[in-house]
Amino acid sequence: MKIYIAASYRHLHAVQLFQQCLEHELPGVEILDWTRLATPPADLTAVQRREWMDTDHGGKVFAFCEEACGGADLVIYFGQSGQDAGVEVGLARAAGVPVLGILGPLEAPGLMLHGSVSLWVRDIPAAWACIASMACCVWRDAPQPDACASCRSEKICNMAPAASGVDV
């Protein structure tokens, strides 16, 4: 299962920790990791780091993120994030990729972001439970409509027969 995490650079450390946990603890999870591409050189000043972040060197970061959002099995939105993460959610939605949204502690998503996310959860443990239920699903290779309909992850599982916005 290929997973992409759409998040603000402000959440860099949380994203990296979450990615490591997913990859190391759940079977078959592959992280499409933007953090390696979007990390400025360590010797830059704060002003230079900001300038570096606002420049897409040869379009590499955009191209990677665009392809990852459209080619993932699941995109996770880490709230509260900014414009770029919202665009990534839109790219995923347009490509038919389900999006799991983790609300920020004070977040009230606007109309478009709210509607583009397939399933909203309030915190990391709830997101983890949904992802784990998909990664460890006994029906993964042969989805069963009855079993999938009662699963907490049905709305974000690209294997579930009734997953919203996804052609199976």
N, C-alpha and C. Protein backbone atom coordinates (compact mmCIF):
# COMPACT_ATOMS: atom_id res chain seq x y z
N MET A 1 0.85 -1.16 0.00
CA MET A 1 0.00 0.00 0.00
C MET A 1 0.90 1.23 0.00
N LYS A 2 0.76 2.07 -1.03
CA LYS A 2 1.56 3.29 -1.16
C LYS A 2 0.81 4.45 -0.49
N ILE A 3 1.52 5.14 0.41
CA ILE A 3 0.92 6.24 1.17
C ILE A 3 1.73 7.51 0.98
N TYR A 4 1.00 8.60 0.77
CA TYR A 4 1.60 9.94 0.68
C TYR A 4 0.98 10.80 1.77
N ILE A 5 1.80 11.57 2.47
CA ILE A 5 1.29 12.45 3.52
C ILE A 5 1.39 13.90 3.06
N ALA A 6 0.24 14.53 2.93
CA ALA A 6 0.16 15.94 2.56
C ALA A 6 0.16 16.77 3.84
N ALA A 7 1.21 17.58 4.00
CA ALA A 7 1.34 18.34 5.25
C ALA A 7 2.20 19.57 5.05
N SER A 8 2.02 20.50 5.92
CA SER A 8 2.86 21.69 5.95
C SER A 8 4.27 21.30 6.37
N TYR A 9 5.24 22.06 5.88
CA TYR A 9 6.62 21.84 6.29
C TYR A 9 6.78 22.02 7.80
N ARG A 10 5.89 22.79 8.41
CA ARG A 10 5.90 22.97 9.87
C ARG A 10 5.74 21.63 10.60
N HIS A 11 5.12 20.67 9.95
CA HIS A 11 4.88 19.35 10.56
C HIS A 11 5.96 18.32 10.17
N LEU A 12 7.09 18.80 9.66
CA LEU A 12 8.13 17.92 9.14
C LEU A 12 8.50 16.79 10.09
N HIS A 13 8.80 17.09 11.33
CA HIS A 13 9.23 16.05 12.27
C HIS A 13 8.11 15.06 12.57
N ALA A 14 6.90 15.55 12.73
CA ALA A 14 5.76 14.66 12.97
C ALA A 14 5.53 13.75 11.77
N VAL A 15 5.63 14.31 10.57
CA VAL A 15 5.45 13.51 9.35
C VAL A 15 6.52 12.42 9.27
N GLN A 16 7.77 12.79 9.53
CA GLN A 16 8.85 11.80 9.46
C GLN A 16 8.66 10.68 10.49
N LEU A 17 8.26 11.02 11.69
CA LEU A 17 8.02 10.00 12.72
C LEU A 17 6.86 9.09 12.33
N PHE A 18 5.77 9.68 11.85
CA PHE A 18 4.60 8.91 11.45
C PHE A 18 4.95 7.98 10.29
N GLN A 19 5.70 8.49 9.33
CA GLN A 19 6.12 7.67 8.18
C GLN A 19 6.96 6.49 8.64
N GLN A 20 7.91 6.73 9.53
CA GLN A 20 8.76 5.64 10.04
C GLN A 20 7.93 4.57 10.73
N CYS A 21 6.99 5.00 11.56
CA CYS A 21 6.14 4.04 12.26
C CYS A 21 5.31 3.22 11.29
N LEU A 22 4.72 3.88 10.31
CA LEU A 22 3.90 3.16 9.33
C LEU A 22 4.73 2.12 8.58
N GLU A 23 5.89 2.56 8.09
CA GLU A 23 6.72 1.67 7.28
C GLU A 23 7.27 0.50 8.07
N HIS A 24 7.65 0.74 9.32
CA HIS A 24 8.29 -0.31 10.11
C HIS A 24 7.31 -1.23 10.82
N GLU A 25 6.08 -0.77 11.06
CA GLU A 25 5.17 -1.56 11.87
C GLU A 25 3.99 -2.17 11.11
N LEU A 26 3.75 -1.71 9.89
CA LEU A 26 2.63 -2.26 9.13
C LEU A 26 3.14 -2.96 7.87
N PRO A 27 2.64 -4.15 7.61
CA PRO A 27 3.11 -4.91 6.45
C PRO A 27 2.70 -4.28 5.12
N GLY A 28 3.63 -4.26 4.19
CA GLY A 28 3.33 -3.82 2.84
C GLY A 28 3.14 -2.32 2.64
N VAL A 29 3.51 -1.51 3.61
CA VAL A 29 3.36 -0.06 3.48
C VAL A 29 4.62 0.53 2.85
N GLU A 30 4.41 1.32 1.81
CA GLU A 30 5.50 2.05 1.15
C GLU A 30 5.17 3.53 1.23
N ILE A 31 6.08 4.32 1.76
CA ILE A 31 5.87 5.75 1.90
C ILE A 31 6.43 6.48 0.68
N LEU A 32 5.61 7.32 0.10
CA LEU A 32 6.05 8.20 -0.98
C LEU A 32 6.49 9.49 -0.27
N ASP A 33 7.78 9.61 0.00
CA ASP A 33 8.33 10.58 0.94
C ASP A 33 8.83 11.87 0.29
N TRP A 34 8.11 12.95 0.51
CA TRP A 34 8.52 14.26 -0.01
C TRP A 34 9.55 14.92 0.89
N THR A 35 9.69 14.45 2.14
CA THR A 35 10.54 15.16 3.10
C THR A 35 12.01 15.15 2.70
N ARG A 36 12.44 14.14 2.00
CA ARG A 36 13.85 14.08 1.58
C ARG A 36 14.16 15.13 0.52
N LEU A 37 13.18 15.38 -0.36
CA LEU A 37 13.37 16.37 -1.43
C LEU A 37 13.22 17.80 -0.92
N ALA A 38 12.41 17.99 0.08
CA ALA A 38 12.05 19.33 0.53
C ALA A 38 12.82 19.76 1.78
N THR A 39 13.99 19.22 1.98
CA THR A 39 14.78 19.60 3.14
C THR A 39 15.97 20.44 2.67
N PRO A 40 16.03 21.70 3.09
CA PRO A 40 17.12 22.57 2.65
C PRO A 40 18.46 22.13 3.25
N PRO A 41 19.55 22.53 2.60
CA PRO A 41 20.88 22.22 3.14
C PRO A 41 21.03 22.78 4.56
N ALA A 42 21.73 22.07 5.41
CA ALA A 42 21.84 22.42 6.83
C ALA A 42 22.61 23.71 7.09
N ASP A 43 23.47 24.12 6.18
CA ASP A 43 24.32 25.29 6.43
C ASP A 43 23.67 26.63 6.08
N LEU A 44 22.39 26.64 5.73
CA LEU A 44 21.72 27.89 5.37
C LEU A 44 21.20 28.61 6.61
N THR A 45 21.14 29.94 6.52
CA THR A 45 20.53 30.72 7.60
C THR A 45 19.02 30.57 7.52
N ALA A 46 18.30 31.05 8.52
CA ALA A 46 16.84 30.94 8.52
C ALA A 46 16.24 31.63 7.30
N VAL A 47 16.74 32.81 6.95
CA VAL A 47 16.23 33.54 5.78
C VAL A 47 16.53 32.76 4.50
N GLN A 48 17.72 32.21 4.40
CA GLN A 48 18.08 31.42 3.22
C GLN A 48 17.26 30.14 3.12
N ARG A 49 16.96 29.52 4.28
CA ARG A 49 16.12 28.31 4.27
C ARG A 49 14.73 28.64 3.73
N ARG A 50 14.16 29.76 4.17
CA ARG A 50 12.83 30.17 3.71
C ARG A 50 12.85 30.41 2.20
N GLU A 51 13.89 31.08 1.73
CA GLU A 51 14.03 31.34 0.29
C GLU A 51 14.17 30.02 -0.47
N TRP A 52 14.96 29.11 0.07
CA TRP A 52 15.17 27.80 -0.55
C TRP A 52 13.83 27.05 -0.63
N MET A 53 13.04 27.13 0.44
CA MET A 53 11.75 26.43 0.48
C MET A 53 10.76 27.00 -0.54
N ASP A 54 10.86 28.29 -0.83
CA ASP A 54 9.94 28.93 -1.77
C ASP A 54 10.36 28.76 -3.22
N THR A 55 11.46 28.06 -3.45
CA THR A 55 11.97 27.85 -4.80
C THR A 55 11.95 26.35 -5.09
N ASP A 56 11.27 25.96 -6.14
CA ASP A 56 11.25 24.54 -6.52
C ASP A 56 12.38 24.33 -7.52
N HIS A 57 13.45 23.76 -7.08
CA HIS A 57 14.66 23.60 -7.87
C HIS A 57 14.42 22.66 -9.07
N GLY A 58 14.17 23.28 -10.22
CA GLY A 58 13.95 22.51 -11.44
C GLY A 58 12.61 21.80 -11.48
N GLY A 59 11.69 22.15 -10.59
CA GLY A 59 10.38 21.52 -10.57
C GLY A 59 10.37 20.12 -10.00
N LYS A 60 11.46 19.70 -9.37
CA LYS A 60 11.57 18.33 -8.86
C LYS A 60 10.56 18.03 -7.76
N VAL A 61 10.40 18.95 -6.83
CA VAL A 61 9.50 18.71 -5.70
C VAL A 61 8.06 18.65 -6.20
N PHE A 62 7.67 19.62 -7.04
CA PHE A 62 6.30 19.62 -7.56
C PHE A 62 6.02 18.35 -8.35
N ALA A 63 6.94 17.98 -9.25
CA ALA A 63 6.73 16.78 -10.08
C ALA A 63 6.58 15.53 -9.22
N PHE A 64 7.45 15.40 -8.19
CA PHE A 64 7.35 14.24 -7.31
C PHE A 64 6.01 14.22 -6.58
N CYS A 65 5.64 15.36 -5.99
CA CYS A 65 4.41 15.41 -5.20
C CYS A 65 3.17 15.20 -6.07
N GLU A 66 3.17 15.78 -7.25
CA GLU A 66 2.03 15.60 -8.16
C GLU A 66 1.86 14.13 -8.53
N GLU A 67 2.96 13.48 -8.89
CA GLU A 67 2.90 12.06 -9.26
C GLU A 67 2.51 11.20 -8.06
N ALA A 68 3.06 11.51 -6.90
CA ALA A 68 2.77 10.73 -5.69
C ALA A 68 1.30 10.85 -5.29
N CYS A 69 0.74 12.05 -5.36
CA CYS A 69 -0.67 12.24 -4.98
C CYS A 69 -1.61 11.47 -5.90
N GLY A 70 -1.26 11.38 -7.17
CA GLY A 70 -2.10 10.66 -8.13
C GLY A 70 -1.85 9.17 -8.16
N GLY A 71 -0.67 8.74 -7.68
CA GLY A 71 -0.32 7.33 -7.76
C GLY A 71 -0.37 6.57 -6.44
N ALA A 72 -0.70 7.27 -5.38
CA ALA A 72 -0.77 6.62 -4.06
C ALA A 72 -2.04 5.79 -3.94
N ASP A 73 -2.04 4.87 -3.01
CA ASP A 73 -3.25 4.14 -2.65
C ASP A 73 -4.05 4.92 -1.62
N LEU A 74 -3.34 5.80 -0.89
CA LEU A 74 -3.97 6.61 0.14
C LEU A 74 -3.15 7.87 0.34
N VAL A 75 -3.82 9.01 0.42
CA VAL A 75 -3.18 10.27 0.80
C VAL A 75 -3.71 10.63 2.18
N ILE A 76 -2.80 11.03 3.06
CA ILE A 76 -3.17 11.44 4.40
C ILE A 76 -2.92 12.94 4.52
N TYR A 77 -3.95 13.68 4.91
CA TYR A 77 -3.83 15.12 5.14
C TYR A 77 -3.56 15.34 6.62
N PHE A 78 -2.44 15.98 6.93
CA PHE A 78 -2.04 16.31 8.30
C PHE A 78 -2.49 17.73 8.57
N GLY A 79 -3.54 17.89 9.38
CA GLY A 79 -4.01 19.25 9.66
C GLY A 79 -3.29 19.84 10.85
N GLN A 80 -3.26 21.01 10.94
CA GLN A 80 -3.68 22.08 10.07
C GLN A 80 -2.51 22.44 9.18
N SER A 81 -2.73 22.38 7.89
CA SER A 81 -1.68 22.67 6.92
C SER A 81 -2.16 23.77 5.98
N GLY A 82 -1.27 24.20 5.13
CA GLY A 82 -1.56 25.35 4.27
C GLY A 82 -1.99 25.00 2.86
N GLN A 83 -1.78 25.96 1.97
CA GLN A 83 -2.24 25.87 0.59
C GLN A 83 -1.69 24.66 -0.14
N ASP A 84 -0.40 24.40 -0.01
CA ASP A 84 0.20 23.31 -0.76
C ASP A 84 -0.43 21.97 -0.41
N ALA A 85 -0.65 21.73 0.87
CA ALA A 85 -1.28 20.47 1.29
C ALA A 85 -2.72 20.40 0.77
N GLY A 86 -3.41 21.52 0.75
CA GLY A 86 -4.76 21.55 0.19
C GLY A 86 -4.77 21.22 -1.28
N VAL A 87 -3.78 21.73 -2.02
CA VAL A 87 -3.65 21.41 -3.44
C VAL A 87 -3.38 19.92 -3.61
N GLU A 88 -2.52 19.37 -2.77
CA GLU A 88 -2.21 17.94 -2.85
C GLU A 88 -3.46 17.09 -2.60
N VAL A 89 -4.29 17.50 -1.67
CA VAL A 89 -5.55 16.80 -1.42
C VAL A 89 -6.41 16.87 -2.69
N GLY A 90 -6.46 18.04 -3.33
CA GLY A 90 -7.23 18.19 -4.57
C GLY A 90 -6.69 17.32 -5.69
N LEU A 91 -5.36 17.23 -5.81
CA LEU A 91 -4.76 16.37 -6.83
C LEU A 91 -5.15 14.92 -6.60
N ALA A 92 -5.10 14.49 -5.34
CA ALA A 92 -5.48 13.11 -5.02
C ALA A 92 -6.95 12.87 -5.34
N ARG A 93 -7.80 13.78 -4.91
CA ARG A 93 -9.24 13.65 -5.16
C ARG A 93 -9.53 13.56 -6.66
N ALA A 94 -8.88 14.42 -7.44
CA ALA A 94 -9.08 14.42 -8.90
C ALA A 94 -8.62 13.11 -9.54
N ALA A 95 -7.62 12.48 -8.94
CA ALA A 95 -7.10 11.21 -9.47
C ALA A 95 -7.87 10.00 -8.93
N GLY A 96 -8.86 10.23 -8.06
CA GLY A 96 -9.62 9.12 -7.50
C GLY A 96 -8.93 8.42 -6.34
N VAL A 97 -7.93 9.08 -5.75
CA VAL A 97 -7.21 8.50 -4.61
C VAL A 97 -7.92 8.91 -3.33
N PRO A 98 -8.28 7.97 -2.47
CA PRO A 98 -8.94 8.33 -1.21
C PRO A 98 -8.01 9.13 -0.30
N VAL A 99 -8.62 10.04 0.46
CA VAL A 99 -7.86 10.91 1.37
C VAL A 99 -8.37 10.74 2.79
N LEU A 100 -7.44 10.44 3.70
CA LEU A 100 -7.74 10.37 5.13
C LEU A 100 -7.27 11.68 5.74
N GLY A 101 -8.18 12.43 6.35
CA GLY A 101 -7.82 13.71 6.95
C GLY A 101 -7.71 13.61 8.45
N ILE A 102 -6.59 14.11 8.99
CA ILE A 102 -6.40 14.19 10.44
C ILE A 102 -6.56 15.66 10.81
N LEU A 103 -7.63 15.96 11.52
CA LEU A 103 -7.90 17.34 11.91
C LEU A 103 -6.80 17.90 12.80
N GLY A 104 -6.42 19.15 12.55
CA GLY A 104 -5.52 19.84 13.46
C GLY A 104 -6.28 20.15 14.73
N PRO A 105 -5.59 20.39 15.84
CA PRO A 105 -6.25 20.59 17.12
C PRO A 105 -7.27 21.73 17.13
N LEU A 106 -7.06 22.76 16.32
CA LEU A 106 -7.98 23.90 16.28
C LEU A 106 -8.58 24.08 14.89
N GLU A 107 -8.53 23.03 14.08
CA GLU A 107 -8.92 23.15 12.67
C GLU A 107 -10.41 22.99 12.44
N ALA A 108 -10.93 23.86 11.60
CA ALA A 108 -12.28 23.75 11.06
C ALA A 108 -12.13 23.89 9.55
N PRO A 109 -11.96 22.78 8.83
CA PRO A 109 -11.67 22.88 7.40
C PRO A 109 -12.79 23.58 6.64
N GLY A 110 -12.38 24.33 5.62
CA GLY A 110 -13.35 25.00 4.77
C GLY A 110 -14.10 24.00 3.89
N LEU A 111 -15.05 24.50 3.16
CA LEU A 111 -15.95 23.70 2.32
C LEU A 111 -15.20 22.76 1.37
N MET A 112 -14.24 23.29 0.63
CA MET A 112 -13.56 22.49 -0.38
C MET A 112 -12.65 21.42 0.23
N LEU A 113 -11.90 21.78 1.25
CA LEU A 113 -11.04 20.80 1.90
C LEU A 113 -11.88 19.73 2.59
N HIS A 114 -12.91 20.17 3.29
CA HIS A 114 -13.78 19.21 3.99
C HIS A 114 -14.39 18.21 3.00
N GLY A 115 -14.88 18.70 1.88
CA GLY A 115 -15.52 17.83 0.90
C GLY A 115 -14.56 16.95 0.11
N SER A 116 -13.29 17.34 0.04
CA SER A 116 -12.31 16.57 -0.72
C SER A 116 -11.72 15.40 0.06
N VAL A 117 -11.88 15.43 1.37
CA VAL A 117 -11.36 14.36 2.22
C VAL A 117 -12.42 13.27 2.33
N SER A 118 -12.00 12.03 2.11
CA SER A 118 -12.92 10.89 2.13
C SER A 118 -13.37 10.52 3.54
N LEU A 119 -12.46 10.67 4.51
CA LEU A 119 -12.75 10.31 5.90
C LEU A 119 -11.94 11.20 6.82
N TRP A 120 -12.61 11.86 7.76
CA TRP A 120 -11.93 12.70 8.75
C TRP A 120 -11.83 11.95 10.07
N VAL A 121 -10.65 12.07 10.72
CA VAL A 121 -10.46 11.55 12.07
C VAL A 121 -9.87 12.68 12.92
N ARG A 122 -9.99 12.53 14.24
CA ARG A 122 -9.58 13.61 15.15
C ARG A 122 -8.11 13.56 15.58
N ASP A 123 -7.47 12.38 15.45
CA ASP A 123 -6.10 12.30 15.96
C ASP A 123 -5.31 11.17 15.29
N ILE A 124 -4.03 11.12 15.61
CA ILE A 124 -3.12 10.12 15.05
C ILE A 124 -3.54 8.69 15.40
N PRO A 125 -3.91 8.38 16.66
CA PRO A 125 -4.32 7.00 16.96
C PRO A 125 -5.52 6.55 16.11
N ALA A 126 -6.46 7.42 15.85
CA ALA A 126 -7.61 7.05 15.01
C ALA A 126 -7.16 6.82 13.57
N ALA A 127 -6.25 7.66 13.09
CA ALA A 127 -5.72 7.48 11.73
C ALA A 127 -4.96 6.16 11.64
N TRP A 128 -4.13 5.91 12.66
CA TRP A 128 -3.36 4.66 12.71
C TRP A 128 -4.28 3.45 12.64
N ALA A 129 -5.35 3.47 13.39
CA ALA A 129 -6.29 2.34 13.42
C ALA A 129 -6.88 2.10 12.03
N CYS A 130 -7.23 3.17 11.33
CA CYS A 130 -7.78 3.02 9.98
C CYS A 130 -6.75 2.43 9.01
N ILE A 131 -5.55 2.96 9.06
CA ILE A 131 -4.49 2.49 8.15
C ILE A 131 -4.12 1.05 8.47
N ALA A 132 -4.02 0.72 9.75
CA ALA A 132 -3.68 -0.65 10.15
C ALA A 132 -4.76 -1.63 9.71
N SER A 133 -6.03 -1.22 9.80
CA SER A 133 -7.10 -2.13 9.38
C SER A 133 -7.02 -2.42 7.89
N MET A 134 -6.54 -1.46 7.11
CA MET A 134 -6.36 -1.70 5.67
C MET A 134 -5.13 -2.55 5.40
N ALA A 135 -4.00 -2.19 6.03
CA ALA A 135 -2.75 -2.91 5.79
C ALA A 135 -2.82 -4.37 6.22
N CYS A 136 -3.60 -4.65 7.25
CA CYS A 136 -3.70 -6.01 7.79
C CYS A 136 -4.99 -6.73 7.41
N CYS A 137 -5.72 -6.18 6.47
CA CYS A 137 -7.03 -6.73 6.09
C CYS A 137 -6.90 -8.13 5.48
N VAL A 138 -7.68 -9.06 6.00
CA VAL A 138 -7.67 -10.42 5.47
C VAL A 138 -8.34 -10.49 4.10
N TRP A 139 -9.13 -9.48 3.77
CA TRP A 139 -9.84 -9.46 2.49
C TRP A 139 -9.11 -8.65 1.42
N ARG A 140 -7.90 -8.19 1.70
CA ARG A 140 -7.17 -7.29 0.81
C ARG A 140 -7.09 -7.82 -0.63
N ASP A 141 -6.84 -9.10 -0.80
CA ASP A 141 -6.70 -9.66 -2.14
C ASP A 141 -8.03 -10.02 -2.79
N ALA A 142 -9.08 -10.13 -2.00
CA ALA A 142 -10.40 -10.49 -2.54
C ALA A 142 -11.47 -9.79 -1.69
N PRO A 143 -11.70 -8.50 -1.93
CA PRO A 143 -12.66 -7.75 -1.11
C PRO A 143 -14.05 -8.39 -1.08
N GLN A 144 -14.67 -8.34 0.09
CA GLN A 144 -16.00 -8.89 0.29
C GLN A 144 -16.95 -7.74 0.63
N PRO A 145 -17.96 -7.48 -0.19
CA PRO A 145 -18.85 -6.34 0.07
C PRO A 145 -19.42 -6.31 1.48
N ASP A 146 -19.81 -7.44 2.03
CA ASP A 146 -20.38 -7.46 3.38
C ASP A 146 -19.35 -7.07 4.44
N ALA A 147 -18.15 -7.63 4.32
CA ALA A 147 -17.09 -7.33 5.28
C ALA A 147 -16.63 -5.87 5.13
N CYS A 148 -16.48 -5.42 3.91
CA CYS A 148 -16.01 -4.05 3.66
C CYS A 148 -17.01 -3.01 4.15
N ALA A 149 -18.30 -3.28 4.01
CA ALA A 149 -19.33 -2.31 4.39
C ALA A 149 -19.32 -2.01 5.89
N SER A 150 -18.84 -2.95 6.69
CA SER A 150 -18.81 -2.73 8.14
C SER A 150 -17.44 -2.30 8.65
N CYS A 151 -16.50 -2.11 7.77
CA CYS A 151 -15.13 -1.75 8.16
C CYS A 151 -15.02 -0.24 8.36
N ARG A 152 -14.29 0.17 9.41
CA ARG A 152 -14.09 1.60 9.69
C ARG A 152 -13.35 2.31 8.57
N SER A 153 -12.59 1.57 7.76
CA SER A 153 -11.77 2.18 6.71
C SER A 153 -12.40 2.11 5.33
N GLU A 154 -13.64 1.67 5.24
CA GLU A 154 -14.27 1.48 3.94
C GLU A 154 -14.21 2.72 3.05
N LYS A 155 -14.37 3.90 3.63
CA LYS A 155 -14.38 5.13 2.84
C LYS A 155 -13.02 5.50 2.26
N ILE A 156 -11.95 4.94 2.80
CA ILE A 156 -10.62 5.27 2.31
C ILE A 156 -9.89 4.09 1.68
N CYS A 157 -10.51 2.95 1.68
CA CYS A 157 -9.86 1.74 1.16
C CYS A 157 -10.11 1.63 -0.34
N ASN A 158 -9.05 1.62 -1.11
CA ASN A 158 -9.21 1.51 -2.55
C ASN A 158 -9.57 0.09 -3.00
N MET A 159 -9.63 -0.84 -2.06
CA MET A 159 -10.06 -2.20 -2.38
C MET A 159 -11.54 -2.42 -2.07
N ALA A 160 -12.11 -1.56 -1.23
CA ALA A 160 -13.52 -1.72 -0.85
C ALA A 160 -14.43 -1.46 -2.05
N PRO A 161 -15.38 -2.34 -2.30
CA PRO A 161 -16.27 -2.17 -3.45
C PRO A 161 -17.03 -0.86 -3.46
N ALA A 162 -17.30 -0.25 -2.31
CA ALA A 162 -18.10 0.97 -2.27
C ALA A 162 -17.29 2.21 -1.93
N ALA A 163 -15.97 2.17 -2.03
CA ALA A 163 -15.16 3.33 -1.68
C ALA A 163 -15.56 4.54 -2.53
N SER A 164 -15.83 5.65 -1.86
CA SER A 164 -16.31 6.83 -2.57
C SER A 164 -15.23 7.43 -3.46
N GLY A 165 -15.60 7.75 -4.68
CA GLY A 165 -14.70 8.40 -5.60
C GLY A 165 -13.66 7.49 -6.22
N VAL A 166 -13.76 6.19 -5.98
CA VAL A 166 -12.76 5.28 -6.48
C VAL A 166 -13.45 4.20 -7.32
N ASP A 167 -12.98 4.03 -8.53
CA ASP A 167 -13.51 2.96 -9.37
C ASP A 167 -12.75 1.69 -9.04
N VAL A 168 -13.50 0.62 -8.73
CA VAL A 168 -12.87 -0.65 -8.38
C VAL A 168 -13.10 -1.64 -9.50
